[in-house]
Amino acid sequence: MYKTTGFVSFFLRRLTGLALVVYLFLHMWVIGSANAGEEAFNDRLDFFQSDFFKLMEIALLAAVVYHAFDGIRLLIVHYFDVTDQRKSMFYAVFVVSAILTVVGGLPIFLYMLE
């Protein structure tokens, strides 16, 4: 199929954007349950404290970090006209995002194991 870095960047940017929108609605759903009372809020919050959702927090971290750094990359490419370095900048964004996800996700993962 498509294997260019431009397509991969486009696809990941759309995927992470959708993930952030889904998270936003879930977040509003949990916070909105505070209007139903303390017990309803705590029940809904407890649902999201499972190990599965801890792993999803790491995925959310990956989505936020990649989406942010790829957005900065796009701004640099657009405003500074460095189209010749698009491919290497994509790889740099991907590596930096992976490193920051591991560094930020490791404490979440270790807390989950306790």
N, C-alpha and C. Protein backbone atom coordinates (compact mmCIF):
# COMPACT_ATOMS: atom_id res chain seq x y z
N MET A 1 0.84 -1.18 0.00
CA MET A 1 0.00 0.00 0.00
C MET A 1 0.88 1.24 0.00
N TYR A 2 0.50 2.26 0.72
CA TYR A 2 1.27 3.51 0.77
C TYR A 2 2.35 3.38 1.83
N LYS A 3 3.58 3.64 1.45
CA LYS A 3 4.69 3.48 2.39
C LYS A 3 5.54 4.73 2.50
N THR A 4 5.05 5.84 2.00
CA THR A 4 5.82 7.07 2.10
C THR A 4 5.69 7.63 3.51
N THR A 5 6.69 8.36 3.94
CA THR A 5 6.62 8.97 5.27
C THR A 5 5.50 10.00 5.34
N GLY A 6 5.19 10.63 4.22
CA GLY A 6 4.10 11.60 4.20
C GLY A 6 2.77 10.95 4.51
N PHE A 7 2.52 9.78 3.91
CA PHE A 7 1.27 9.08 4.18
C PHE A 7 1.23 8.56 5.61
N VAL A 8 2.34 8.00 6.08
CA VAL A 8 2.38 7.48 7.46
C VAL A 8 2.14 8.63 8.44
N SER A 9 2.77 9.77 8.21
CA SER A 9 2.57 10.93 9.06
C SER A 9 1.11 11.38 9.04
N PHE A 10 0.54 11.46 7.85
CA PHE A 10 -0.86 11.84 7.69
C PHE A 10 -1.77 10.88 8.44
N PHE A 11 -1.55 9.58 8.26
CA PHE A 11 -2.38 8.57 8.91
C PHE A 11 -2.26 8.64 10.43
N LEU A 12 -1.02 8.71 10.94
CA LEU A 12 -0.83 8.77 12.39
C LEU A 12 -1.40 10.05 12.99
N ARG A 13 -1.29 11.15 12.26
CA ARG A 13 -1.84 12.41 12.76
C ARG A 13 -3.35 12.32 12.86
N ARG A 14 -4.01 11.72 11.87
CA ARG A 14 -5.46 11.55 11.91
C ARG A 14 -5.86 10.57 13.01
N LEU A 15 -5.13 9.48 13.13
CA LEU A 15 -5.43 8.47 14.15
C LEU A 15 -5.28 9.05 15.55
N THR A 16 -4.19 9.76 15.80
CA THR A 16 -3.99 10.34 17.13
C THR A 16 -5.00 11.44 17.39
N GLY A 17 -5.37 12.19 16.37
CA GLY A 17 -6.39 13.22 16.53
C GLY A 17 -7.72 12.61 16.93
N LEU A 18 -8.11 11.51 16.28
CA LEU A 18 -9.35 10.82 16.65
C LEU A 18 -9.27 10.27 18.08
N ALA A 19 -8.13 9.72 18.43
CA ALA A 19 -7.95 9.20 19.79
C ALA A 19 -8.10 10.31 20.82
N LEU A 20 -7.59 11.48 20.53
CA LEU A 20 -7.70 12.60 21.47
C LEU A 20 -9.14 13.09 21.57
N VAL A 21 -9.88 13.07 20.48
CA VAL A 21 -11.30 13.45 20.53
C VAL A 21 -12.09 12.45 21.36
N VAL A 22 -11.84 11.16 21.16
CA VAL A 22 -12.52 10.13 21.95
C VAL A 22 -12.20 10.31 23.43
N TYR A 23 -10.93 10.56 23.74
CA TYR A 23 -10.55 10.80 25.13
C TYR A 23 -11.27 12.02 25.71
N LEU A 24 -11.37 13.08 24.92
CA LEU A 24 -12.05 14.29 25.39
C LEU A 24 -13.49 14.00 25.77
N PHE A 25 -14.20 13.24 24.94
CA PHE A 25 -15.59 12.91 25.26
C PHE A 25 -15.69 11.99 26.47
N LEU A 26 -14.78 11.01 26.60
CA LEU A 26 -14.78 10.16 27.79
C LEU A 26 -14.50 10.98 29.05
N HIS A 27 -13.59 11.91 28.93
CA HIS A 27 -13.24 12.77 30.06
C HIS A 27 -14.45 13.61 30.48
N MET A 28 -15.13 14.18 29.50
CA MET A 28 -16.32 14.98 29.83
C MET A 28 -17.42 14.11 30.42
N TRP A 29 -17.53 12.86 29.96
CA TRP A 29 -18.53 11.94 30.48
C TRP A 29 -18.27 11.63 31.95
N VAL A 30 -17.02 11.41 32.30
CA VAL A 30 -16.68 11.12 33.70
C VAL A 30 -16.86 12.36 34.56
N ILE A 31 -16.35 13.49 34.12
CA ILE A 31 -16.48 14.72 34.91
C ILE A 31 -17.94 15.13 35.02
N GLY A 32 -18.70 14.94 33.95
CA GLY A 32 -20.12 15.29 33.98
C GLY A 32 -20.93 14.46 34.94
N SER A 33 -20.44 13.28 35.27
CA SER A 33 -21.17 12.43 36.22
C SER A 33 -21.12 12.99 37.63
N ALA A 34 -20.29 13.98 37.86
CA ALA A 34 -20.25 14.62 39.19
C ALA A 34 -21.58 15.31 39.49
N ASN A 35 -22.32 15.70 38.46
CA ASN A 35 -23.63 16.31 38.66
C ASN A 35 -24.64 15.32 39.21
N ALA A 36 -24.39 14.01 38.99
CA ALA A 36 -25.31 12.97 39.46
C ALA A 36 -25.01 12.57 40.90
N GLY A 37 -24.01 13.16 41.48
CA GLY A 37 -23.68 12.84 42.87
C GLY A 37 -22.32 12.19 43.02
N GLU A 38 -21.88 12.19 44.26
CA GLU A 38 -20.54 11.66 44.56
C GLU A 38 -20.42 10.17 44.25
N GLU A 39 -21.46 9.42 44.56
CA GLU A 39 -21.41 7.98 44.35
C GLU A 39 -21.33 7.64 42.85
N ALA A 40 -22.10 8.31 42.04
CA ALA A 40 -22.07 8.07 40.59
C ALA A 40 -20.71 8.44 40.01
N PHE A 41 -20.16 9.56 40.48
CA PHE A 41 -18.84 9.98 40.00
C PHE A 41 -17.78 8.96 40.38
N ASN A 42 -17.80 8.51 41.64
CA ASN A 42 -16.80 7.54 42.10
C ASN A 42 -16.94 6.20 41.38
N ASP A 43 -18.18 5.77 41.12
CA ASP A 43 -18.39 4.52 40.38
C ASP A 43 -17.81 4.61 38.98
N ARG A 44 -18.07 5.72 38.32
CA ARG A 44 -17.57 5.88 36.95
C ARG A 44 -16.04 6.00 36.95
N LEU A 45 -15.51 6.69 37.93
CA LEU A 45 -14.05 6.84 38.02
C LEU A 45 -13.39 5.51 38.33
N ASP A 46 -13.99 4.69 39.19
CA ASP A 46 -13.44 3.38 39.50
C ASP A 46 -13.39 2.47 38.28
N PHE A 47 -14.36 2.63 37.39
CA PHE A 47 -14.38 1.84 36.16
C PHE A 47 -13.12 2.08 35.33
N PHE A 48 -12.63 3.31 35.35
CA PHE A 48 -11.46 3.67 34.55
C PHE A 48 -10.14 3.46 35.28
N GLN A 49 -10.16 2.83 36.43
CA GLN A 49 -8.92 2.58 37.17
C GLN A 49 -8.37 1.18 36.95
N SER A 50 -8.93 0.45 36.00
CA SER A 50 -8.46 -0.92 35.74
C SER A 50 -7.12 -0.90 35.00
N ASP A 51 -6.49 -2.06 34.96
CA ASP A 51 -5.20 -2.18 34.27
C ASP A 51 -5.32 -1.87 32.79
N PHE A 52 -6.45 -2.24 32.18
CA PHE A 52 -6.64 -1.95 30.76
C PHE A 52 -6.57 -0.45 30.51
N PHE A 53 -7.21 0.33 31.36
CA PHE A 53 -7.22 1.77 31.15
C PHE A 53 -5.89 2.41 31.54
N LYS A 54 -5.12 1.76 32.38
CA LYS A 54 -3.75 2.25 32.63
C LYS A 54 -2.91 2.11 31.37
N LEU A 55 -3.08 1.00 30.67
CA LEU A 55 -2.37 0.84 29.39
C LEU A 55 -2.89 1.85 28.36
N MET A 56 -4.18 2.14 28.42
CA MET A 56 -4.75 3.15 27.52
C MET A 56 -4.21 4.54 27.84
N GLU A 57 -3.87 4.79 29.11
CA GLU A 57 -3.24 6.06 29.47
C GLU A 57 -1.87 6.20 28.80
N ILE A 58 -1.14 5.10 28.72
CA ILE A 58 0.15 5.13 28.03
C ILE A 58 -0.07 5.38 26.54
N ALA A 59 -1.10 4.75 25.97
CA ALA A 59 -1.43 4.99 24.56
C ALA A 59 -1.86 6.45 24.37
N LEU A 60 -2.59 7.00 25.33
CA LEU A 60 -2.98 8.41 25.25
C LEU A 60 -1.75 9.31 25.29
N LEU A 61 -0.82 8.98 26.16
CA LEU A 61 0.43 9.74 26.21
C LEU A 61 1.15 9.69 24.86
N ALA A 62 1.21 8.51 24.27
CA ALA A 62 1.85 8.38 22.95
C ALA A 62 1.13 9.23 21.91
N ALA A 63 -0.19 9.23 21.95
CA ALA A 63 -0.97 10.02 20.98
C ALA A 63 -0.73 11.51 21.16
N VAL A 64 -0.73 11.97 22.41
CA VAL A 64 -0.52 13.40 22.68
C VAL A 64 0.87 13.83 22.24
N VAL A 65 1.87 13.05 22.61
CA VAL A 65 3.25 13.42 22.29
C VAL A 65 3.48 13.42 20.78
N TYR A 66 3.04 12.35 20.10
CA TYR A 66 3.24 12.31 18.66
C TYR A 66 2.48 13.43 17.96
N HIS A 67 1.22 13.62 18.33
CA HIS A 67 0.40 14.63 17.68
C HIS A 67 1.00 16.03 17.85
N ALA A 68 1.51 16.30 19.05
CA ALA A 68 2.10 17.61 19.32
C ALA A 68 3.39 17.82 18.51
N PHE A 69 4.28 16.85 18.56
CA PHE A 69 5.55 17.01 17.86
C PHE A 69 5.38 16.98 16.34
N ASP A 70 4.44 16.19 15.86
CA ASP A 70 4.21 16.20 14.41
C ASP A 70 3.59 17.53 13.98
N GLY A 71 2.75 18.11 14.82
CA GLY A 71 2.21 19.44 14.52
C GLY A 71 3.31 20.48 14.46
N ILE A 72 4.25 20.42 15.37
CA ILE A 72 5.39 21.34 15.34
C ILE A 72 6.22 21.11 14.09
N ARG A 73 6.40 19.84 13.72
CA ARG A 73 7.14 19.53 12.48
C ARG A 73 6.45 20.13 11.27
N LEU A 74 5.14 20.03 11.22
CA LEU A 74 4.40 20.59 10.10
C LEU A 74 4.53 22.11 10.04
N LEU A 75 4.49 22.75 11.20
CA LEU A 75 4.67 24.20 11.23
C LEU A 75 6.05 24.59 10.72
N ILE A 76 7.07 23.86 11.13
CA ILE A 76 8.44 24.15 10.68
C ILE A 76 8.55 23.96 9.17
N VAL A 77 8.01 22.85 8.67
CA VAL A 77 8.07 22.59 7.22
C VAL A 77 7.34 23.68 6.45
N HIS A 78 6.19 24.08 6.94
CA HIS A 78 5.37 25.06 6.22
C HIS A 78 5.97 26.46 6.27
N TYR A 79 6.32 26.92 7.46
CA TYR A 79 6.74 28.32 7.59
C TYR A 79 8.20 28.57 7.29
N PHE A 80 9.04 27.56 7.41
CA PHE A 80 10.46 27.74 7.14
C PHE A 80 10.89 27.09 5.83
N ASP A 81 9.93 26.52 5.11
CA ASP A 81 10.16 25.97 3.77
C ASP A 81 11.36 25.02 3.74
N VAL A 82 11.32 24.03 4.62
CA VAL A 82 12.40 23.03 4.66
C VAL A 82 11.87 21.69 4.15
N THR A 83 11.28 21.73 2.98
CA THR A 83 10.65 20.52 2.44
C THR A 83 11.66 19.42 2.13
N ASP A 84 12.91 19.77 1.94
CA ASP A 84 13.92 18.75 1.65
C ASP A 84 14.19 17.86 2.86
N GLN A 85 13.93 18.36 4.04
CA GLN A 85 14.21 17.60 5.27
C GLN A 85 12.95 16.95 5.86
N ARG A 86 11.86 16.89 5.11
CA ARG A 86 10.60 16.34 5.65
C ARG A 86 10.77 14.91 6.14
N LYS A 87 11.44 14.09 5.38
CA LYS A 87 11.59 12.68 5.74
C LYS A 87 12.40 12.51 7.02
N SER A 88 13.54 13.18 7.10
CA SER A 88 14.37 13.05 8.30
C SER A 88 13.68 13.68 9.51
N MET A 89 12.93 14.75 9.29
CA MET A 89 12.20 15.35 10.40
C MET A 89 11.09 14.42 10.90
N PHE A 90 10.44 13.68 9.98
CA PHE A 90 9.43 12.71 10.40
C PHE A 90 10.06 11.65 11.29
N TYR A 91 11.21 11.11 10.86
CA TYR A 91 11.87 10.08 11.67
C TYR A 91 12.30 10.65 13.03
N ALA A 92 12.77 11.88 13.04
CA ALA A 92 13.16 12.51 14.31
C ALA A 92 11.96 12.65 15.24
N VAL A 93 10.83 13.08 14.69
CA VAL A 93 9.61 13.21 15.49
C VAL A 93 9.19 11.86 16.03
N PHE A 94 9.26 10.84 15.18
CA PHE A 94 8.85 9.50 15.60
C PHE A 94 9.75 8.98 16.72
N VAL A 95 11.05 9.16 16.59
CA VAL A 95 11.99 8.68 17.61
C VAL A 95 11.82 9.46 18.92
N VAL A 96 11.72 10.78 18.83
CA VAL A 96 11.54 11.60 20.04
C VAL A 96 10.22 11.23 20.73
N SER A 97 9.17 11.02 19.94
CA SER A 97 7.88 10.64 20.51
C SER A 97 7.97 9.28 21.20
N ALA A 98 8.65 8.35 20.59
CA ALA A 98 8.81 7.02 21.19
C ALA A 98 9.59 7.10 22.49
N ILE A 99 10.66 7.86 22.50
CA ILE A 99 11.47 7.99 23.72
C ILE A 99 10.66 8.64 24.84
N LEU A 100 9.96 9.73 24.53
CA LEU A 100 9.16 10.41 25.55
C LEU A 100 8.00 9.54 26.04
N THR A 101 7.45 8.73 25.15
CA THR A 101 6.38 7.82 25.57
C THR A 101 6.90 6.77 26.52
N VAL A 102 8.07 6.23 26.23
CA VAL A 102 8.66 5.23 27.14
C VAL A 102 9.00 5.87 28.48
N VAL A 103 9.61 7.04 28.45
CA VAL A 103 10.00 7.72 29.69
C VAL A 103 8.77 8.09 30.51
N GLY A 104 7.73 8.57 29.86
CA GLY A 104 6.52 8.94 30.59
C GLY A 104 5.64 7.77 30.93
N GLY A 105 5.65 6.73 30.10
CA GLY A 105 4.79 5.58 30.33
C GLY A 105 5.34 4.58 31.32
N LEU A 106 6.64 4.58 31.51
CA LEU A 106 7.25 3.64 32.45
C LEU A 106 6.73 3.79 33.88
N PRO A 107 6.63 5.00 34.42
CA PRO A 107 6.07 5.12 35.77
C PRO A 107 4.61 4.63 35.86
N ILE A 108 3.83 4.87 34.82
CA ILE A 108 2.45 4.40 34.81
C ILE A 108 2.43 2.88 34.82
N PHE A 109 3.28 2.28 34.00
CA PHE A 109 3.34 0.82 33.90
C PHE A 109 3.82 0.21 35.22
N LEU A 110 4.84 0.80 35.83
CA LEU A 110 5.35 0.27 37.09
C LEU A 110 4.31 0.42 38.20
N TYR A 111 3.56 1.52 38.21
CA TYR A 111 2.50 1.70 39.20
C TYR A 111 1.41 0.66 39.00
N MET A 112 1.13 0.33 37.74
CA MET A 112 0.11 -0.67 37.44
C MET A 112 0.53 -2.04 37.95
N LEU A 113 1.82 -2.35 37.93
CA LEU A 113 2.30 -3.66 38.38
C LEU A 113 2.26 -3.82 39.89
N GLU A 114 2.22 -2.70 40.61
CA GLU A 114 2.21 -2.79 42.08
C GLU A 114 0.89 -3.31 42.61
